[in-house]
């Protein structure tokens, strides 16, 4: 079919809108990166600019001497790895139980996942349960267990498992496989797209979380990276305390630059995770959307 004038106009308009939206997203990111390499005195006088006159690595030099940032990285990487693997395992097992027609408890389990999406007990009961009943205060598990199961992600897994042909499970059971073996050796290997998508969501959730640390952790050695960044953004004194005296350049500590540099170092690793899972990500979100 020949492309009409209206089609070409619509295509051009779509490209223009998408280009403007891309710039809208990229420019703040560029300002943040360039600001982290800008001299502190210029940031104070002129603010952030895409074309600074004086570049400086003082902010990154200060962060390399900071023990708080390295500890925050270790804690965040630890909770992201343990939390993502644990959450993915539990969510997948729960979703498979809900989608399995042989399970007589699938309806109660479905309500168990659905009701928390509609109703919440509130922050105070949540705090009492985690800190006083479970005794997770100032523990690494306080950063992992409260985020272990997200109902929305469980329903994504349920939608996928319902598209798996029942003949695969029946053939495995005829060969003598029990439910655990069917799940781990038959279901999981063919579920890589949705597992990668849900795993990415869980990894982002754990990596970006600061609220659990703010509520349940008082020990600064257990502060996750995002909580350290939040304290720096909201409190200039916290940024100054993060910079060792030996790392300050001349008499002007690069506090504004440290904010930007910490943000760059914070989002860097999780950005690199997405290209590795991109081929699974789109397929995992759309699989099961069309049947027939």
Protein backbone atom coordinates (compact mmCIF):
# COMPACT_ATOMS: atom_id res chain seq x y z
CA UNK A 1 0.00 0.00 0.00
CA UNK A 2 1.19 3.48 -0.87
CA UNK A 3 1.82 5.85 1.97
CA UNK A 4 -0.47 8.88 1.85
CA UNK A 5 0.37 12.46 2.76
CA UNK A 6 -1.53 12.18 6.04
CA UNK A 7 0.43 9.03 6.93
CA UNK A 8 3.73 10.79 6.30
CA UNK A 9 2.60 13.79 8.36
CA UNK A 10 1.57 11.53 11.22
CA UNK A 11 4.90 9.69 11.08
CA UNK A 12 6.85 12.94 11.10
CA UNK A 13 4.80 14.28 14.01
CA UNK A 14 5.35 11.04 15.93
CA UNK A 15 9.12 11.29 15.40
CA UNK A 16 9.11 14.91 16.58
CA UNK A 17 7.14 14.10 19.73
CA UNK A 18 9.31 11.08 20.53
CA UNK A 19 12.48 13.12 19.94
CA UNK A 20 11.28 15.88 22.28
CA UNK A 21 10.31 13.33 24.90
CA UNK A 22 13.74 11.68 24.57
CA UNK A 23 15.45 15.03 25.10
CA UNK A 24 13.17 15.68 28.07
CA UNK A 25 14.43 12.44 29.63
CA UNK A 26 18.09 12.69 28.63
CA UNK A 27 18.89 16.33 29.45
CA UNK A 28 18.45 15.99 33.25
CA UNK A 29 20.59 12.88 33.15
CA UNK A 30 23.31 14.72 31.22
CA UNK A 31 23.12 17.64 33.67
CA UNK A 32 23.66 15.23 36.51
CA UNK A 33 26.70 13.58 34.89
CA UNK A 34 28.28 16.86 33.80
CA UNK A 35 27.53 18.42 37.18
CA UNK A 36 29.44 15.65 38.90
CA UNK A 37 32.52 16.66 36.88
CA UNK A 38 32.08 20.42 37.36
CA UNK A 39 34.19 22.46 39.74
CA UNK A 40 32.39 23.16 43.03
CA UNK A 41 32.90 26.92 42.91
CA UNK A 42 31.29 27.10 39.46
CA UNK A 43 28.31 25.07 40.66
CA UNK A 44 27.80 27.49 43.54
CA UNK A 45 28.04 30.59 41.37
CA UNK A 46 26.47 29.52 38.06
CA UNK A 47 24.52 26.38 38.94
CA UNK A 48 24.32 23.35 36.68
CA UNK A 49 25.13 23.71 32.99
CA UNK A 50 25.59 21.45 29.98
CA UNK A 51 28.74 23.39 29.06
CA UNK A 52 30.75 24.15 32.22
CA UNK A 53 33.98 26.14 32.02
CA UNK A 54 35.95 24.19 34.60
CA UNK A 55 35.89 20.41 34.93
CA UNK A 56 36.92 18.66 38.13
CA UNK A 57 37.08 15.10 39.46
CA UNK A 58 37.13 16.25 43.09
CA UNK A 59 33.70 14.75 43.82
CA UNK A 60 34.73 11.28 42.63
CA UNK A 61 38.06 11.56 44.44
CA UNK A 62 36.16 12.34 47.64
CA UNK A 63 33.82 9.40 47.17
CA UNK A 64 36.69 7.00 46.57
CA UNK A 65 37.99 7.91 50.03
CA UNK A 66 34.58 7.44 51.68
CA UNK A 67 34.02 4.27 53.68
CA UNK A 68 30.28 5.03 54.05
CA UNK A 69 29.68 4.78 50.32
CA UNK A 70 31.56 1.49 49.97
CA UNK A 71 29.62 0.03 52.90
CA UNK A 72 26.37 1.23 51.34
CA UNK A 73 27.31 -0.45 48.06
CA UNK A 74 28.05 -3.73 49.79
CA UNK A 75 24.77 -3.69 51.72
CA UNK A 76 22.73 -2.75 48.64
CA UNK A 77 24.36 -5.38 46.42
CA UNK A 78 23.84 -8.00 49.14
CA UNK A 79 20.16 -7.25 49.68
CA UNK A 80 19.55 -6.96 45.93
CA UNK A 81 21.05 -10.37 45.16
CA UNK A 82 19.56 -12.22 48.13
CA UNK A 83 16.23 -10.40 47.91
CA UNK A 84 15.78 -10.84 44.16
CA UNK A 85 16.60 -14.55 44.18
CA UNK A 86 14.45 -15.23 47.24
CA UNK A 87 11.53 -13.12 46.01
CA UNK A 88 11.67 -14.66 42.54
CA UNK A 89 11.67 -18.19 43.96
CA UNK A 90 8.80 -17.58 46.39
CA UNK A 91 6.73 -15.60 43.88
CA UNK A 92 7.19 -18.23 41.16
CA UNK A 93 6.19 -21.07 43.50
CA UNK A 94 3.15 -19.13 44.74
CA UNK A 95 2.10 -18.21 41.19
CA UNK A 96 2.46 -21.80 40.02
CA UNK A 97 0.31 -22.99 42.92
CA UNK A 98 -2.39 -20.45 42.03
CA UNK A 99 -2.34 -21.34 38.31
CA UNK A 100 -2.31 -25.11 38.91
CA UNK A 101 -5.80 -26.54 38.45
CA UNK A 102 -4.89 -29.53 40.62
CA UNK A 103 -4.43 -27.30 43.66
CA UNK A 104 -7.57 -27.25 45.83
CA UNK A 105 -6.25 -24.19 47.71
CA UNK A 106 -5.72 -22.00 44.65
CA UNK A 107 -8.73 -19.77 45.46
CA UNK A 108 -7.62 -18.96 49.04
CA UNK A 109 -4.10 -18.30 47.76
CA UNK A 110 -5.51 -16.03 45.05
CA UNK A 111 -7.42 -14.02 47.65
CA UNK A 112 -4.28 -13.94 49.82
CA UNK A 113 -2.45 -12.16 46.97
CA UNK A 114 -5.32 -10.02 45.74
CA UNK A 115 -6.53 -8.49 49.01
CA UNK A 116 -3.18 -6.78 49.91
CA UNK A 117 -3.42 -4.94 46.57
CA UNK A 118 -6.68 -3.34 47.74
CA UNK A 119 -6.26 -2.97 51.50
CA UNK A 120 -3.33 -2.09 53.73
CA UNK A 121 -2.97 -2.23 57.49
CA UNK A 122 -1.01 1.01 57.54
CA UNK A 123 2.53 1.98 58.44
CA UNK A 124 2.18 1.72 62.22
CA UNK A 125 0.93 -1.91 62.30
CA UNK A 126 3.53 -2.77 59.67
CA UNK A 127 6.27 -1.25 61.81
CA UNK A 128 5.07 -3.08 64.93
CA UNK A 129 4.98 -6.44 63.15
CA UNK A 130 8.46 -6.09 61.65
CA UNK A 131 10.25 -4.51 64.59
CA UNK A 132 8.50 -5.92 67.69
CA UNK A 133 6.95 -9.21 66.61
CA UNK A 134 9.56 -10.39 64.11
CA UNK A 135 12.44 -8.58 65.88
CA UNK A 136 14.11 -7.51 62.65
CA UNK A 137 15.15 -4.05 63.86
CA UNK A 138 18.74 -3.19 62.81
CA UNK A 139 18.99 -6.40 60.81
CA UNK A 140 19.79 -7.01 57.16
CA UNK A 141 16.57 -9.04 56.97
CA UNK A 142 14.54 -5.91 57.70
CA UNK A 143 15.64 -4.70 54.25
CA UNK A 144 14.76 -7.99 52.51
CA UNK A 145 11.73 -9.73 54.03
CA UNK A 146 9.17 -6.86 53.87
CA UNK A 147 9.63 -6.64 50.07
CA UNK A 148 9.80 -10.37 49.45
CA UNK A 149 6.47 -10.85 47.65
CA UNK A 150 4.77 -8.29 45.41
CA UNK A 151 1.18 -9.28 44.44
CA UNK A 152 1.31 -7.53 41.05
CA UNK A 153 4.41 -9.48 40.03
CA UNK A 154 2.84 -12.71 41.27
CA UNK A 155 -0.12 -12.10 38.95
CA UNK A 156 2.28 -11.57 36.04
CA UNK A 157 3.73 -15.00 36.75
CA UNK A 158 0.24 -16.50 37.11
CA UNK A 159 -0.73 -15.17 33.68
CA UNK A 160 2.32 -16.81 32.14
CA UNK A 161 1.96 -20.17 33.90
CA UNK A 162 -1.63 -20.42 32.70
CA UNK A 163 -0.36 -20.37 29.10
CA UNK A 164 1.94 -23.36 29.65
CA UNK A 165 0.45 -26.45 27.95
CA UNK A 166 -0.91 -28.93 30.47
CA UNK A 167 0.42 -31.78 28.33
CA UNK A 168 3.97 -30.96 29.45
CA UNK A 169 3.06 -31.42 33.10
CA UNK A 170 1.00 -34.54 32.42
CA UNK A 171 3.85 -36.15 30.48
CA UNK A 172 6.27 -35.47 33.34
CA UNK A 173 3.85 -36.92 35.90
CA UNK A 174 3.37 -40.05 33.78
CA UNK A 175 7.15 -40.47 33.87
CA UNK A 176 6.98 -40.39 37.67
CA UNK A 177 7.90 -36.77 38.41
CA UNK A 178 6.41 -35.18 41.53
CA UNK A 179 5.17 -31.58 41.75
CA UNK A 180 8.53 -30.14 42.85
CA UNK A 181 10.37 -31.86 40.00
CA UNK A 182 7.76 -30.73 37.47
CA UNK A 183 8.12 -27.16 38.70
CA UNK A 184 11.92 -26.96 38.80
CA UNK A 185 12.77 -29.12 35.77
CA UNK A 186 9.85 -28.49 33.43
CA UNK A 187 8.17 -25.19 34.27
CA UNK A 188 11.10 -22.97 35.25
CA UNK A 189 13.35 -23.72 32.23
CA UNK A 190 10.61 -22.62 29.80
CA UNK A 191 9.75 -19.56 31.90
CA UNK A 192 12.97 -17.59 31.37
CA UNK A 193 11.28 -14.57 29.71
CA UNK A 194 8.81 -13.92 32.52
CA UNK A 195 11.34 -14.81 35.23
CA UNK A 196 13.80 -12.31 33.77
CA UNK A 197 11.13 -9.60 33.61
CA UNK A 198 9.89 -10.18 37.15
CA UNK A 199 13.46 -10.54 38.40
CA UNK A 200 14.31 -7.15 36.91
CA UNK A 201 11.35 -5.57 38.70
CA UNK A 202 12.41 -7.11 42.00
CA UNK A 203 16.04 -6.06 41.49
CA UNK A 204 14.97 -2.47 40.79
CA UNK A 205 12.73 -2.52 43.83
CA UNK A 206 15.49 -3.70 46.16
CA UNK A 207 18.17 -1.50 44.62
CA UNK A 208 16.09 1.69 44.81
CA UNK A 209 14.51 1.07 48.22
CA UNK A 210 15.41 3.41 51.07
CA UNK A 211 12.19 3.41 53.07
CA UNK A 212 12.84 0.07 54.80
CA UNK A 213 16.23 1.32 55.93
CA UNK A 214 14.74 4.58 57.16
CA UNK A 215 12.12 2.75 59.22
CA UNK A 216 14.00 -0.20 60.64
CA UNK A 217 17.75 0.54 60.59
CA UNK A 218 19.56 2.86 63.00
CA UNK A 219 23.02 1.38 62.54
CA UNK A 220 24.84 3.45 59.89
CA UNK A 221 26.88 0.40 58.88
CA UNK A 222 23.67 -1.19 57.58
CA UNK A 223 22.44 1.83 55.63
CA UNK A 224 21.66 0.92 52.00
CA UNK A 225 23.06 3.07 49.23
CA UNK A 226 19.79 4.84 48.43
CA UNK A 227 19.28 5.86 52.05
CA UNK A 228 22.75 7.41 52.07
CA UNK A 229 21.90 9.29 48.87
CA UNK A 230 18.59 10.48 50.31
CA UNK A 231 20.30 11.82 53.41
CA UNK A 232 22.79 13.66 51.22
CA UNK A 233 20.11 15.20 49.02
CA UNK A 234 17.98 16.31 51.96
CA UNK A 235 20.82 17.33 54.26
CA UNK A 236 23.95 19.17 53.18
CA UNK A 237 25.68 18.31 56.45
CA UNK A 238 25.31 14.61 55.66
CA UNK A 239 27.09 15.23 52.35
CA UNK A 240 29.90 17.04 54.15
CA UNK A 241 30.24 14.21 56.68
CA UNK A 242 30.52 11.73 53.83
CA UNK A 243 33.62 13.51 52.54
CA UNK A 244 36.78 12.72 54.53
CA UNK A 245 38.84 15.74 55.48
CA UNK A 246 41.83 14.39 53.56
CA UNK A 247 39.77 14.20 50.37
CA UNK A 248 38.47 17.78 50.41
CA UNK A 249 40.04 19.87 47.72
CA UNK A 250 41.50 23.12 49.11
CA UNK A 251 38.99 24.69 51.50
CA UNK A 252 35.87 24.03 49.43
CA UNK A 253 34.38 20.57 49.97
CA UNK A 254 32.64 19.41 46.76
CA UNK A 255 29.26 18.82 48.40
CA UNK A 256 27.12 19.66 45.35
CA UNK A 257 29.35 17.62 43.10
CA UNK A 258 29.27 14.71 45.54
CA UNK A 259 25.49 14.66 45.33
CA UNK A 260 25.64 14.31 41.56
CA UNK A 261 28.54 11.86 41.62
CA UNK A 262 26.81 9.66 44.17
CA UNK A 263 23.68 9.62 42.04
CA UNK A 264 25.70 8.58 38.98
CA UNK A 265 27.43 5.79 40.91
CA UNK A 266 24.12 4.72 42.41
CA UNK A 267 22.18 4.27 39.18
CA UNK A 268 25.11 2.97 37.12
CA UNK A 269 25.02 -0.75 38.02
CA UNK A 270 21.26 -1.13 37.74
CA UNK A 271 21.26 0.59 34.32
CA UNK A 272 23.77 -1.97 33.09
CA UNK A 273 21.45 -4.78 34.19
CA UNK A 274 18.66 -3.84 31.79
CA UNK A 275 20.54 -4.43 28.48
CA UNK A 276 21.42 -7.93 29.69
CA UNK A 277 17.73 -8.76 30.22
CA UNK A 278 16.22 -6.68 27.42
CA UNK A 279 15.67 -9.62 25.07
CA UNK A 280 13.58 -11.32 27.76
CA UNK A 281 11.94 -8.19 29.12
CA UNK A 282 9.50 -7.31 26.31
CA UNK A 283 8.70 -10.93 25.60
CA UNK A 284 8.04 -11.59 29.26
CA UNK A 285 5.58 -8.73 29.54
CA UNK A 286 3.64 -9.61 26.38
CA UNK A 287 3.63 -13.40 26.61
CA UNK A 288 0.15 -14.65 27.34
CA UNK A 289 -1.44 -11.42 26.15
CA UNK A 290 -2.64 -13.07 22.93
CA UNK A 291 -3.91 -16.63 22.90
CA UNK A 292 -5.27 -18.73 20.10
